[in-house]
C-alpha atoms as a PDB file:
ATOM      1  CA  MET A   1      77.744  81.475  41.297  1.00  0.00           C
ATOM      2  CA  ASN A   2      81.003  81.603  38.817  1.00  0.00           C
ATOM      3  CA  ILE A   3      80.909  78.295  36.974  1.00  0.00           C
ATOM      4  CA  LYS A   4      84.504  77.488  35.628  1.00  0.00           C
ATOM      5  CA  GLN A   5      84.625  77.069  31.683  1.00  0.00           C
ATOM      6  CA  ALA A   6      88.047  76.247  30.040  1.00  0.00           C
ATOM      7  CA  VAL A   7      88.766  75.753  25.910  1.00  0.00           C
ATOM      8  CA  ALA A   8      91.816  74.222  24.488  1.00  0.00           C
ATOM      9  CA  LEU A   9      93.001  75.555  20.842  1.00  0.00           C
ATOM     10  CA  LEU A  10      95.204  73.892  18.200  1.00  0.00           C
ATOM     11  CA  TYR A  11      96.200  75.934  15.463  1.00  0.00           C
ATOM     12  CA  PRO A  12      97.119  73.596  12.784  1.00  0.00           C
ATOM     13  CA  GLU A  13      99.332  74.624   9.660  1.00  0.00           C
ATOM     14  CA  THR A  14      96.595  74.041   7.400  1.00  0.00           C
ATOM     15  CA  LYS A  15      94.091  75.988   8.524  1.00  0.00           C
ATOM     16  CA  ASP A  16      93.240  79.896   8.746  1.00  0.00           C
ATOM     17  CA  ALA A  17      92.367  79.967  12.445  1.00  0.00           C
ATOM     18  CA  PRO A  18      92.734  78.498  15.602  1.00  0.00           C
ATOM     19  CA  VAL A  19      90.078  75.437  16.239  1.00  0.00           C
ATOM     20  CA  ILE A  20      88.606  74.697  19.444  1.00  0.00           C
ATOM     21  CA  VAL A  21      89.892  71.023  20.398  1.00  0.00           C
ATOM     22  CA  ALA A  22      88.235  71.182  23.598  1.00  0.00           C
ATOM     23  CA  LYS A  23      85.921  72.760  25.817  1.00  0.00           C
ATOM     24  CA  GLU A  24      84.783  71.545  29.619  1.00  0.00           C
ATOM     25  CA  ARG A  25      82.688  73.441  32.333  1.00  0.00           C
ATOM     26  CA  GLY A  26      82.790  73.211  35.847  1.00  0.00           C
ATOM     27  CA  ASP A  27      84.733  70.183  38.032  1.00  0.00           C
ATOM     28  CA  LEU A  28      85.972  69.420  33.837  1.00  0.00           C
ATOM     29  CA  ALA A  29      86.791  72.447  33.030  1.00  0.00           C
ATOM     30  CA  GLU A  30      89.180  72.473  36.468  1.00  0.00           C
ATOM     31  CA  LYS A  31      90.469  69.092  35.837  1.00  0.00           C
ATOM     32  CA  MET A  32      91.318  69.982  32.148  1.00  0.00           C
ATOM     33  CA  ILE A  33      93.599  72.879  33.130  1.00  0.00           C
ATOM     34  CA  LYS A  34      95.113  71.040  35.890  1.00  0.00           C
ATOM     35  CA  LEU A  35      96.239  68.249  33.203  1.00  0.00           C
ATOM     36  CA  ALA A  36      97.511  70.820  31.058  1.00  0.00           C
ATOM     37  CA  GLN A  37      99.670  72.361  33.512  1.00  0.00           C
ATOM     38  CA  LYS A  38     100.875  68.850  34.815  1.00  0.00           C
ATOM     39  CA  TYR A  39     101.949  68.697  31.234  1.00  0.00           C
ATOM     40  CA  ASN A  40     103.136  72.364  30.397  1.00  0.00           C
ATOM     41  CA  VAL A  41     100.985  73.353  28.156  1.00  0.00           C
ATOM     42  CA  PRO A  42     100.192  76.973  28.525  1.00  0.00           C
ATOM     43  CA  VAL A  43      97.080  78.528  30.076  1.00  0.00           C
ATOM     44  CA  PHE A  44      95.964  81.550  30.022  1.00  0.00           C
ATOM     45  CA  GLU A  45      93.043  83.199  31.622  1.00  0.00           C
ATOM     46  CA  GLU A  46      90.305  84.647  29.329  1.00  0.00           C
ATOM     47  CA  SER A  47      87.122  85.292  30.686  1.00  0.00           C
ATOM     48  CA  ASP A  48      85.811  87.136  28.421  1.00  0.00           C
ATOM     49  CA  THR A  49      86.979  85.615  25.279  1.00  0.00           C
ATOM     50  CA  VAL A  50      86.508  81.446  26.970  1.00  0.00           C
ATOM     51  CA  ASN A  51      82.775  82.957  27.006  1.00  0.00           C
ATOM     52  CA  ILE A  52      82.407  83.949  23.560  1.00  0.00           C
ATOM     53  CA  LEU A  53      84.514  80.740  22.449  1.00  0.00           C
ATOM     54  CA  SER A  54      82.458  78.086  24.818  1.00  0.00           C
ATOM     55  CA  LEU A  55      79.532  78.854  22.691  1.00  0.00           C
ATOM     56  CA  TYR A  56      81.183  77.263  19.728  1.00  0.00           C
ATOM     57  CA  GLU A  57      81.867  73.464  19.270  1.00  0.00           C
ATOM     58  CA  VAL A  58      84.741  71.174  19.186  1.00  0.00           C
ATOM     59  CA  GLY A  59      85.850  71.049  15.600  1.00  0.00           C
ATOM     60  CA  GLU A  60      85.333  74.501  14.894  1.00  0.00           C
ATOM     61  CA  CYS A  61      87.505  77.277  14.000  1.00  0.00           C
ATOM     62  CA  ILE A  62      87.063  80.428  16.648  1.00  0.00           C
ATOM     63  CA  PRO A  63      85.491  83.368  15.609  1.00  0.00           C
ATOM     64  CA  GLU A  64      86.670  86.563  13.546  1.00  0.00           C
ATOM     65  CA  GLU A  65      85.879  88.694  16.911  1.00  0.00           C
ATOM     66  CA  THR A  66      88.212  86.481  18.917  1.00  0.00           C
ATOM     67  CA  TYR A  67      90.751  87.144  16.318  1.00  0.00           C
ATOM     68  CA  GLU A  68      92.994  89.709  17.871  1.00  0.00           C
ATOM     69  CA  VAL A  69      92.805  88.958  21.843  1.00  0.00           C
ATOM     70  CA  ILE A  70      94.070  85.319  20.585  1.00  0.00           C
ATOM     71  CA  SER A  71      96.678  86.723  18.477  1.00  0.00           C
ATOM     72  CA  LYS A  72      98.070  88.561  21.095  1.00  0.00           C
ATOM     73  CA  ILE A  73      97.522  85.301  23.294  1.00  0.00           C
ATOM     74  CA  PHE A  74      99.691  83.108  20.872  1.00  0.00           C
ATOM     75  CA  ALA A  75     102.293  85.545  20.357  1.00  0.00           C
ATOM     76  CA  PHE A  76     102.652  85.986  24.631  1.00  0.00           C
ATOM     77  CA  ILE A  77     102.627  82.016  24.663  1.00  0.00           C
ATOM     78  CA  ARG A  78     105.998  82.126  21.824  1.00  0.00           C
ATOM     79  CA  ARG A  79     107.765  84.736  23.447  1.00  0.00           C
ATOM     80  CA  THR A  80     107.291  82.728  27.122  1.00  0.00           C
ATOM     81  CA  VAL A  81     107.928  78.806  26.494  1.00  0.00           C
ATOM     82  CA  LYS A  82     111.167  78.663  24.317  1.00  0.00           C
END
C-alpha cells in the first residue's frame, strides 16, 4: 500500500538552497496538496524525490543529491506560472 506523501519547499533569497517548509503523510498530505491547488500553489509529483525529502526535517535545506531534480522542478514552475 502506497501512503501519499507531500513536501513543500520555499527558496528564500537568504538561503543557498530551498528549504523544507512543510511535510505530511497520508490524509494530511492529501489535504496539503488540495490546499496548494486551491490557492494556486504549483504541485509537482515526483515520488523518488519526495521520499528523499521526507527524511529531512522542516526548516532544513534540501540535500545536495536533490539539487538537480529540484532545480528542474523550479525551472518548470517558473516557465508555466507567469
